[in-house]
Amino acid sequence: MNASQRITALEDVPSDSTFLFRVAPEADEEREAILVEHEGATPDGDEEPVACWLNYCQHMTHINIDKGSGAPMRDGELVCANHGAYFDSDSGKCTFGPCEGAYLTDLEVTVADGAVYLTDDDYAFVGEGPIDDDDDLTSTSNVKI
């Protein structure tokens, strides 16, 4: 695995929330992504133990699901606190709310030697945590200024 693409230790991904980090697609600005424990992981290793999604609700894509302290979850689903939308943490499908039927955008990750690596050719790992933008109110509000 490419050490520069190491996101975090697998044990640091919470079982009841998300792990927030930053990625950058080629020639574009940083975006946020989240890791969530993969409920569908199998003991024989057919599925990765984590799923990875861009950190944007599909109802209004300027709204973050994880606002910096972990996304709310209920019964294995990610919850958008702004709209009440529910997303299956394994498939990314919106199961309830204004964007029902839409899917979160997935990113490829691989677990090796107890760590999670970004293996999506379209993105590069930038760092842990949210995008630092003191002027941006979109992560906490759905009102455009």
C-alpha atoms as a PDB file:
ATOM      1  CA  MET A   1       0.000   0.000   0.000  1.00  0.00           C
ATOM      2  CA  ASN A   2       1.037   3.565  -0.708  1.00  0.00           C
ATOM      3  CA  ALA A   3       1.839   5.161   2.677  1.00  0.00           C
ATOM      4  CA  SER A   4       0.714   8.594   1.436  1.00  0.00           C
ATOM      5  CA  GLN A   5      -2.787   7.201   0.922  1.00  0.00           C
ATOM      6  CA  ARG A   6      -3.100   5.860   4.522  1.00  0.00           C
ATOM      7  CA  ILE A   7      -6.233   7.382   6.069  1.00  0.00           C
ATOM      8  CA  THR A   8      -6.214   5.943   9.592  1.00  0.00           C
ATOM      9  CA  ALA A   9      -5.917   2.798  11.683  1.00  0.00           C
ATOM     10  CA  LEU A  10      -8.947   0.533  11.301  1.00  0.00           C
ATOM     11  CA  GLU A  11      -9.452   0.594  15.071  1.00  0.00           C
ATOM     12  CA  ASP A  12      -9.933   4.395  14.911  1.00  0.00           C
ATOM     13  CA  VAL A  13     -13.076   4.101  12.776  1.00  0.00           C
ATOM     14  CA  PRO A  14     -15.954   4.387  15.289  1.00  0.00           C
ATOM     15  CA  SER A  15     -18.590   1.660  15.339  1.00  0.00           C
ATOM     16  CA  ASP A  16     -21.430   4.123  15.993  1.00  0.00           C
ATOM     17  CA  SER A  17     -20.446   7.138  13.899  1.00  0.00           C
ATOM     18  CA  THR A  18     -18.026   8.187  11.153  1.00  0.00           C
ATOM     19  CA  PHE A  19     -14.392   9.107  10.626  1.00  0.00           C
ATOM     20  CA  LEU A  20     -14.012  12.384   8.707  1.00  0.00           C
ATOM     21  CA  PHE A  21     -11.124  13.146   6.341  1.00  0.00           C
ATOM     22  CA  ARG A  22     -10.246  15.231   3.288  1.00  0.00           C
ATOM     23  CA  VAL A  23      -9.553  14.175  -0.290  1.00  0.00           C
ATOM     24  CA  ALA A  24      -8.763  16.050  -3.489  1.00  0.00           C
ATOM     25  CA  PRO A  25      -9.775  14.968  -6.947  1.00  0.00           C
ATOM     26  CA  GLU A  26      -7.348  15.822  -9.755  1.00  0.00           C
ATOM     27  CA  ALA A  27      -7.268  19.554 -10.524  1.00  0.00           C
ATOM     28  CA  ASP A  28     -10.099  20.365  -8.122  1.00  0.00           C
ATOM     29  CA  GLU A  29     -10.548  21.689  -4.598  1.00  0.00           C
ATOM     30  CA  GLU A  30     -10.595  19.563  -1.452  1.00  0.00           C
ATOM     31  CA  ARG A  31     -13.690  17.605  -0.503  1.00  0.00           C
ATOM     32  CA  GLU A  32     -14.682  15.800   2.652  1.00  0.00           C
ATOM     33  CA  ALA A  33     -15.185  12.058   2.896  1.00  0.00           C
ATOM     34  CA  ILE A  34     -16.275   9.728   5.681  1.00  0.00           C
ATOM     35  CA  LEU A  35     -15.452   6.188   6.718  1.00  0.00           C
ATOM     36  CA  VAL A  36     -18.164   4.113   8.357  1.00  0.00           C
ATOM     37  CA  GLU A  37     -17.971   0.615   9.760  1.00  0.00           C
ATOM     38  CA  HIS A  38     -19.286  -1.764   7.094  1.00  0.00           C
ATOM     39  CA  GLU A  39     -22.159  -3.781   8.543  1.00  0.00           C
ATOM     40  CA  GLY A  40     -21.927  -6.260   5.646  1.00  0.00           C
ATOM     41  CA  ALA A  41     -18.303  -7.250   6.219  1.00  0.00           C
ATOM     42  CA  THR A  42     -17.814 -10.998   6.263  1.00  0.00           C
ATOM     43  CA  PRO A  43     -15.345 -12.987   8.363  1.00  0.00           C
ATOM     44  CA  ASP A  44     -13.823 -14.525   5.207  1.00  0.00           C
ATOM     45  CA  GLY A  45     -12.812 -11.070   3.957  1.00  0.00           C
ATOM     46  CA  ASP A  46     -15.110 -10.846   0.911  1.00  0.00           C
ATOM     47  CA  GLU A  47     -16.134  -7.314   1.945  1.00  0.00           C
ATOM     48  CA  GLU A  48     -14.008  -4.514   3.345  1.00  0.00           C
ATOM     49  CA  PRO A  49     -14.797  -3.804   7.037  1.00  0.00           C
ATOM     50  CA  VAL A  50     -15.395  -0.114   6.195  1.00  0.00           C
ATOM     51  CA  ALA A  51     -17.321   1.810   3.552  1.00  0.00           C
ATOM     52  CA  CYS A  52     -16.301   5.250   2.295  1.00  0.00           C
ATOM     53  CA  TRP A  53     -18.565   8.054   1.042  1.00  0.00           C
ATOM     54  CA  LEU A  54     -18.191  11.683   0.071  1.00  0.00           C
ATOM     55  CA  ASN A  55     -19.555  13.701   2.994  1.00  0.00           C
ATOM     56  CA  TYR A  56     -22.478  15.348   1.197  1.00  0.00           C
ATOM     57  CA  CYS A  57     -26.217  14.730   1.515  1.00  0.00           C
ATOM     58  CA  GLN A  58     -27.837  13.935  -1.821  1.00  0.00           C
ATOM     59  CA  HIS A  59     -30.843  16.185  -1.131  1.00  0.00           C
ATOM     60  CA  MET A  60     -28.764  19.371  -0.964  1.00  0.00           C
ATOM     61  CA  THR A  61     -25.145  18.573  -1.756  1.00  0.00           C
ATOM     62  CA  HIS A  62     -23.713  21.559   0.105  1.00  0.00           C
ATOM     63  CA  ILE A  63     -24.892  19.980   3.383  1.00  0.00           C
ATOM     64  CA  ASN A  64     -22.439  17.693   5.204  1.00  0.00           C
ATOM     65  CA  ILE A  65     -23.605  14.497   6.868  1.00  0.00           C
ATOM     66  CA  ASP A  66     -20.673  14.584   9.316  1.00  0.00           C
ATOM     67  CA  LYS A  67     -20.349  18.175  10.514  1.00  0.00           C
ATOM     68  CA  GLY A  68     -17.013  17.568  12.212  1.00  0.00           C
ATOM     69  CA  SER A  69     -17.858  15.502  15.263  1.00  0.00           C
ATOM     70  CA  GLY A  70     -19.115  12.294  13.648  1.00  0.00           C
ATOM     71  CA  ALA A  71     -22.325  11.690  11.737  1.00  0.00           C
ATOM     72  CA  PRO A  72     -25.437  10.695  13.655  1.00  0.00           C
ATOM     73  CA  MET A  73     -26.462   7.086  13.078  1.00  0.00           C
ATOM     74  CA  ARG A  74     -29.594   5.107  13.788  1.00  0.00           C
ATOM     75  CA  ASP A  75     -29.972   1.355  13.327  1.00  0.00           C
ATOM     76  CA  GLY A  76     -26.926   1.163  11.034  1.00  0.00           C
ATOM     77  CA  GLU A  77     -27.941   4.118   8.888  1.00  0.00           C
ATOM     78  CA  LEU A  78     -26.295   7.521   8.507  1.00  0.00           C
ATOM     79  CA  VAL A  79     -28.647  10.395   9.289  1.00  0.00           C
ATOM     80  CA  CYS A  80     -28.558  13.838   7.690  1.00  0.00           C
ATOM     81  CA  ALA A  81     -29.442  16.075  10.630  1.00  0.00           C
ATOM     82  CA  ASN A  82     -30.581  18.886   8.311  1.00  0.00           C
ATOM     83  CA  HIS A  83     -33.226  16.974   6.368  1.00  0.00           C
ATOM     84  CA  GLY A  84     -33.835  13.774   8.307  1.00  0.00           C
ATOM     85  CA  ALA A  85     -32.640  11.667   5.355  1.00  0.00           C
ATOM     86  CA  TYR A  86     -31.376   8.165   6.179  1.00  0.00           C
ATOM     87  CA  PHE A  87     -28.599   6.456   4.195  1.00  0.00           C
ATOM     88  CA  ASP A  88     -27.762   2.771   4.413  1.00  0.00           C
ATOM     89  CA  SER A  89     -24.191   2.701   5.718  1.00  0.00           C
ATOM     90  CA  ASP A  90     -23.303  -0.309   3.542  1.00  0.00           C
ATOM     91  CA  SER A  91     -24.762   0.712   0.174  1.00  0.00           C
ATOM     92  CA  GLY A  92     -25.060   4.502   0.533  1.00  0.00           C
ATOM     93  CA  LYS A  93     -28.688   4.350  -0.617  1.00  0.00           C
ATOM     94  CA  CYS A  94     -31.094   6.921   0.822  1.00  0.00           C
ATOM     95  CA  THR A  95     -33.826   4.823   2.422  1.00  0.00           C
ATOM     96  CA  PHE A  96     -35.924   7.665   3.821  1.00  0.00           C
ATOM     97  CA  GLY A  97     -36.259  11.394   3.275  1.00  0.00           C
ATOM     98  CA  PRO A  98     -36.348  13.958   0.489  1.00  0.00           C
ATOM     99  CA  CYS A  99     -33.667  12.180  -1.575  1.00  0.00           C
ATOM    100  CA  GLU A 100     -35.078   8.646  -1.176  1.00  0.00           C
ATOM    101  CA  GLY A 101     -33.582   6.317  -3.769  1.00  0.00           C
ATOM    102  CA  ALA A 102     -30.454   8.450  -4.369  1.00  0.00           C
ATOM    103  CA  TYR A 103     -26.999   7.142  -3.454  1.00  0.00           C
ATOM    104  CA  LEU A 104     -24.034   8.700  -1.670  1.00  0.00           C
ATOM    105  CA  THR A 105     -20.904   8.893  -3.835  1.00  0.00           C
ATOM    106  CA  ASP A 106     -18.545   6.076  -2.897  1.00  0.00           C
ATOM    107  CA  LEU A 107     -14.759   6.094  -2.798  1.00  0.00           C
ATOM    108  CA  GLU A 108     -12.631   2.963  -2.942  1.00  0.00           C
ATOM    109  CA  VAL A 109     -10.723   2.019   0.188  1.00  0.00           C
ATOM    110  CA  THR A 110      -8.714  -1.038   1.172  1.00  0.00           C
ATOM    111  CA  VAL A 111      -7.784  -2.363   4.589  1.00  0.00           C
ATOM    112  CA  ALA A 112      -4.279  -3.778   4.951  1.00  0.00           C
ATOM    113  CA  ASP A 113      -2.157  -4.445   8.028  1.00  0.00           C
ATOM    114  CA  GLY A 114      -4.754  -2.873  10.326  1.00  0.00           C
ATOM    115  CA  ALA A 115      -4.977   0.429   8.431  1.00  0.00           C
ATOM    116  CA  VAL A 116      -7.439   1.952   5.956  1.00  0.00           C
ATOM    117  CA  TYR A 117      -6.001   3.216   2.654  1.00  0.00           C
ATOM    118  CA  LEU A 118      -7.616   5.311  -0.050  1.00  0.00           C
ATOM    119  CA  THR A 119      -7.296   3.282  -3.260  1.00  0.00           C
ATOM    120  CA  ASP A 120      -9.606   5.340  -5.462  1.00  0.00           C
ATOM    121  CA  ASP A 121      -7.685   6.458  -8.557  1.00  0.00           C
ATOM    122  CA  ASP A 122      -9.789   9.632  -8.815  1.00  0.00           C
ATOM    123  CA  TYR A 123      -8.837  11.037  -5.388  1.00  0.00           C
ATOM    124  CA  ALA A 124      -5.759  11.689  -3.272  1.00  0.00           C
ATOM    125  CA  PHE A 125      -5.757  11.632   0.534  1.00  0.00           C
ATOM    126  CA  VAL A 126      -5.160  15.131   1.967  1.00  0.00           C
ATOM    127  CA  GLY A 127      -5.575  14.722   5.732  1.00  0.00           C
ATOM    128  CA  GLU A 128      -7.825  13.943   8.689  1.00  0.00           C
ATOM    129  CA  GLY A 129     -10.670  16.178   9.802  1.00  0.00           C
ATOM    130  CA  PRO A 130     -12.928  18.728   8.102  1.00  0.00           C
ATOM    131  CA  ILE A 131     -12.012  21.326   5.521  1.00  0.00           C
ATOM    132  CA  ASP A 132     -10.788  24.404   7.378  1.00  0.00           C
ATOM    133  CA  ASP A 133     -12.853  27.266   5.989  1.00  0.00           C
ATOM    134  CA  ASP A 134     -13.868  29.809   8.619  1.00  0.00           C
ATOM    135  CA  ASP A 135     -16.026  31.716   6.122  1.00  0.00           C
ATOM    136  CA  ASP A 136     -18.064  28.709   4.998  1.00  0.00           C
ATOM    137  CA  LEU A 137     -21.402  28.333   6.788  1.00  0.00           C
ATOM    138  CA  THR A 138     -22.676  25.524   4.545  1.00  0.00           C
ATOM    139  CA  SER A 139     -21.569  22.758   6.905  1.00  0.00           C
ATOM    140  CA  THR A 140     -23.934  23.972   9.622  1.00  0.00           C
ATOM    141  CA  SER A 141     -26.771  25.592   7.687  1.00  0.00           C
ATOM    142  CA  ASN A 142     -28.889  24.928   4.656  1.00  0.00           C
ATOM    143  CA  VAL A 143     -29.466  28.639   4.087  1.00  0.00           C
ATOM    144  CA  LYS A 144     -27.361  30.121   1.277  1.00  0.00           C
ATOM    145  CA  ILE A 145     -25.979  33.566   1.947  1.00  0.00           C
END
